[in-house]
Amino acid sequence: MSAIARLSVTRSLAYQRVVARQATLSQARAIQTSSTRGDIDSAAKFIGAGAATVGVAGSGAGIGSVFGSLIIGYARNPSLKQQLFSYAILGFALSEAMGLFCLMMAFLLLF
């Protein structure tokens, strides 16, 4: 084999090795980037769902406040028992609805 032929064969093998290395590096970068992006998206979902469920605690506090006020109102004026109770049920329903809306938003963010 002549020296020119050996030079061209050696050069083409070296070029193929460089191309193969670049291909594996670009594949590794693409896999690493997509995995990191998926982790960030997943973390953002969990953080958003956790922030949305804070409203459920507010709903519980609201329900406690409504029935606490019912007891105080009934203790002050027992003759208004029926009217106070209907207002308390209305306050309970509105407070519970807001808690359920917060819970629904958390599940929408997760799924």
C-alpha atoms as a PDB file:
ATOM      1  CA  MET A   1       0.000   0.000   0.000  1.00  0.00           C
ATOM      2  CA  SER A   2       1.358   3.365  -0.855  1.00  0.00           C
ATOM      3  CA  ALA A   3       1.934   6.170   1.622  1.00  0.00           C
ATOM      4  CA  ILE A   4      -0.849   8.295   0.100  1.00  0.00           C
ATOM      5  CA  ALA A   5      -3.372   5.489   0.445  1.00  0.00           C
ATOM      6  CA  ARG A   6      -2.373   4.884   4.077  1.00  0.00           C
ATOM      7  CA  LEU A   7      -2.719   8.588   4.861  1.00  0.00           C
ATOM      8  CA  SER A   8      -6.244   8.769   3.408  1.00  0.00           C
ATOM      9  CA  VAL A   9      -7.370   5.604   5.247  1.00  0.00           C
ATOM     10  CA  THR A  10      -5.945   6.847   8.532  1.00  0.00           C
ATOM     11  CA  ARG A  11      -7.550  10.235   8.057  1.00  0.00           C
ATOM     12  CA  SER A  12     -10.976   8.785   7.309  1.00  0.00           C
ATOM     13  CA  LEU A  13     -10.856   6.560  10.435  1.00  0.00           C
ATOM     14  CA  ALA A  14      -9.914   9.518  12.615  1.00  0.00           C
ATOM     15  CA  TYR A  15     -12.713  11.570  11.071  1.00  0.00           C
ATOM     16  CA  GLN A  16     -15.237   8.778  11.740  1.00  0.00           C
ATOM     17  CA  ARG A  17     -14.128   8.582  15.367  1.00  0.00           C
ATOM     18  CA  VAL A  18     -14.547  12.345  15.838  1.00  0.00           C
ATOM     19  CA  VAL A  19     -17.999  12.261  14.259  1.00  0.00           C
ATOM     20  CA  ALA A  20     -19.004   9.310  16.439  1.00  0.00           C
ATOM     21  CA  ARG A  21     -17.841  11.143  19.590  1.00  0.00           C
ATOM     22  CA  GLN A  22     -19.772  14.271  18.656  1.00  0.00           C
ATOM     23  CA  ALA A  23     -22.904  12.232  18.009  1.00  0.00           C
ATOM     24  CA  THR A  24     -22.727  10.509  21.394  1.00  0.00           C
ATOM     25  CA  LEU A  25     -22.075  13.820  23.156  1.00  0.00           C
ATOM     26  CA  SER A  26     -25.044  15.494  21.472  1.00  0.00           C
ATOM     27  CA  GLN A  27     -27.286  12.522  22.346  1.00  0.00           C
ATOM     28  CA  ALA A  28     -26.128  12.631  25.966  1.00  0.00           C
ATOM     29  CA  ARG A  29     -26.817  16.367  26.148  1.00  0.00           C
ATOM     30  CA  ALA A  30     -30.290  15.965  24.661  1.00  0.00           C
ATOM     31  CA  ILE A  31     -31.201  13.214  27.127  1.00  0.00           C
ATOM     32  CA  GLN A  32     -29.871  15.182  30.079  1.00  0.00           C
ATOM     33  CA  THR A  33     -31.691  18.371  29.052  1.00  0.00           C
ATOM     34  CA  SER A  34     -35.052  16.682  28.527  1.00  0.00           C
ATOM     35  CA  SER A  35     -34.778  14.856  31.856  1.00  0.00           C
ATOM     36  CA  THR A  36     -33.971  18.074  33.706  1.00  0.00           C
ATOM     37  CA  ARG A  37     -36.824  19.901  32.021  1.00  0.00           C
ATOM     38  CA  GLY A  38     -39.261  17.146  33.008  1.00  0.00           C
ATOM     39  CA  ASP A  39     -38.067  17.324  36.611  1.00  0.00           C
ATOM     40  CA  ILE A  40     -38.559  21.082  36.707  1.00  0.00           C
ATOM     41  CA  ASP A  41     -42.056  20.767  35.236  1.00  0.00           C
ATOM     42  CA  SER A  42     -42.947  18.083  37.762  1.00  0.00           C
ATOM     43  CA  ALA A  43     -41.617  20.168  40.644  1.00  0.00           C
ATOM     44  CA  ALA A  44     -43.594  23.190  39.450  1.00  0.00           C
ATOM     45  CA  LYS A  45     -46.765  21.093  39.392  1.00  0.00           C
ATOM     46  CA  PHE A  46     -46.254  19.942  42.963  1.00  0.00           C
ATOM     47  CA  ILE A  47     -45.447  23.448  44.199  1.00  0.00           C
ATOM     48  CA  GLY A  48     -48.541  24.870  42.500  1.00  0.00           C
ATOM     49  CA  ALA A  49     -50.779  22.134  43.894  1.00  0.00           C
ATOM     50  CA  GLY A  50     -49.408  22.723  47.379  1.00  0.00           C
ATOM     51  CA  ALA A  51     -50.052  26.450  47.090  1.00  0.00           C
ATOM     52  CA  ALA A  52     -53.606  25.792  45.906  1.00  0.00           C
ATOM     53  CA  THR A  53     -54.398  23.558  48.873  1.00  0.00           C
ATOM     54  CA  VAL A  54     -53.647  26.389  51.312  1.00  0.00           C
ATOM     55  CA  GLY A  55     -57.198  27.581  50.617  1.00  0.00           C
ATOM     56  CA  VAL A  56     -58.567  24.387  52.168  1.00  0.00           C
ATOM     57  CA  ALA A  57     -57.096  25.450  55.519  1.00  0.00           C
ATOM     58  CA  GLY A  58     -58.757  28.838  55.071  1.00  0.00           C
ATOM     59  CA  SER A  59     -62.034  27.068  54.482  1.00  0.00           C
ATOM     60  CA  GLY A  60     -61.680  25.163  57.736  1.00  0.00           C
ATOM     61  CA  ALA A  61     -60.954  28.390  59.607  1.00  0.00           C
ATOM     62  CA  GLY A  62     -63.982  30.024  57.999  1.00  0.00           C
ATOM     63  CA  ILE A  63     -66.291  27.179  59.006  1.00  0.00           C
ATOM     64  CA  GLY A  64     -65.010  27.379  62.583  1.00  0.00           C
ATOM     65  CA  SER A  65     -65.579  31.111  62.618  1.00  0.00           C
ATOM     66  CA  VAL A  66     -69.141  30.744  61.291  1.00  0.00           C
ATOM     67  CA  PHE A  67     -70.204  28.203  63.894  1.00  0.00           C
ATOM     68  CA  GLY A  68     -68.362  30.060  66.664  1.00  0.00           C
ATOM     69  CA  SER A  69     -70.329  33.173  65.761  1.00  0.00           C
ATOM     70  CA  LEU A  70     -73.530  31.093  65.735  1.00  0.00           C
ATOM     71  CA  ILE A  71     -72.907  29.987  69.316  1.00  0.00           C
ATOM     72  CA  ILE A  72     -72.135  33.553  70.443  1.00  0.00           C
ATOM     73  CA  GLY A  73     -75.231  34.908  68.668  1.00  0.00           C
ATOM     74  CA  TYR A  74     -77.460  32.214  70.144  1.00  0.00           C
ATOM     75  CA  ALA A  75     -76.066  32.890  73.623  1.00  0.00           C
ATOM     76  CA  ARG A  76     -76.894  36.612  73.277  1.00  0.00           C
ATOM     77  CA  ASN A  77     -80.391  36.218  71.840  1.00  0.00           C
ATOM     78  CA  PRO A  78     -81.928  32.731  72.022  1.00  0.00           C
ATOM     79  CA  SER A  79     -85.174  33.880  70.389  1.00  0.00           C
ATOM     80  CA  LEU A  80     -83.389  34.263  66.993  1.00  0.00           C
ATOM     81  CA  LYS A  81     -82.270  30.643  66.936  1.00  0.00           C
ATOM     82  CA  GLN A  82     -83.890  29.727  63.604  1.00  0.00           C
ATOM     83  CA  GLN A  83     -82.741  32.826  61.719  1.00  0.00           C
ATOM     84  CA  LEU A  84     -79.186  32.579  63.081  1.00  0.00           C
ATOM     85  CA  PHE A  85     -79.012  28.907  62.142  1.00  0.00           C
ATOM     86  CA  SER A  86     -80.089  29.589  58.545  1.00  0.00           C
ATOM     87  CA  TYR A  87     -77.395  32.280  58.243  1.00  0.00           C
ATOM     88  CA  ALA A  88     -74.837  29.858  59.691  1.00  0.00           C
ATOM     89  CA  ILE A  89     -75.748  27.181  57.150  1.00  0.00           C
ATOM     90  CA  LEU A  90     -75.392  29.739  54.341  1.00  0.00           C
ATOM     91  CA  GLY A  91     -71.961  30.798  55.653  1.00  0.00           C
ATOM     92  CA  PHE A  92     -70.908  27.159  55.991  1.00  0.00           C
ATOM     93  CA  ALA A  93     -71.952  26.394  52.401  1.00  0.00           C
ATOM     94  CA  LEU A  94     -70.069  29.379  50.962  1.00  0.00           C
ATOM     95  CA  SER A  95     -66.946  28.660  52.975  1.00  0.00           C
ATOM     96  CA  GLU A  96     -67.002  24.976  52.064  1.00  0.00           C
ATOM     97  CA  ALA A  97     -67.500  25.833  48.383  1.00  0.00           C
ATOM     98  CA  MET A  98     -64.364  27.983  48.384  1.00  0.00           C
ATOM     99  CA  GLY A  99     -62.395  25.137  49.963  1.00  0.00           C
ATOM    100  CA  LEU A 100     -63.648  22.722  47.327  1.00  0.00           C
ATOM    101  CA  PHE A 101     -62.713  25.154  44.551  1.00  0.00           C
ATOM    102  CA  CYS A 102     -59.168  25.315  45.940  1.00  0.00           C
ATOM    103  CA  LEU A 103     -58.980  21.533  46.081  1.00  0.00           C
ATOM    104  CA  MET A 104     -60.292  21.276  42.517  1.00  0.00           C
ATOM    105  CA  MET A 105     -57.614  23.688  41.295  1.00  0.00           C
ATOM    106  CA  ALA A 106     -54.923  21.597  43.008  1.00  0.00           C
ATOM    107  CA  PHE A 107     -56.110  18.462  41.234  1.00  0.00           C
ATOM    108  CA  LEU A 108     -56.316  20.298  37.904  1.00  0.00           C
ATOM    109  CA  LEU A 109     -52.702  21.379  38.293  1.00  0.00           C
ATOM    110  CA  LEU A 110     -51.559  17.855  39.119  1.00  0.00           C
ATOM    111  CA  PHE A 111     -53.411  15.977  36.373  1.00  0.00           C
END
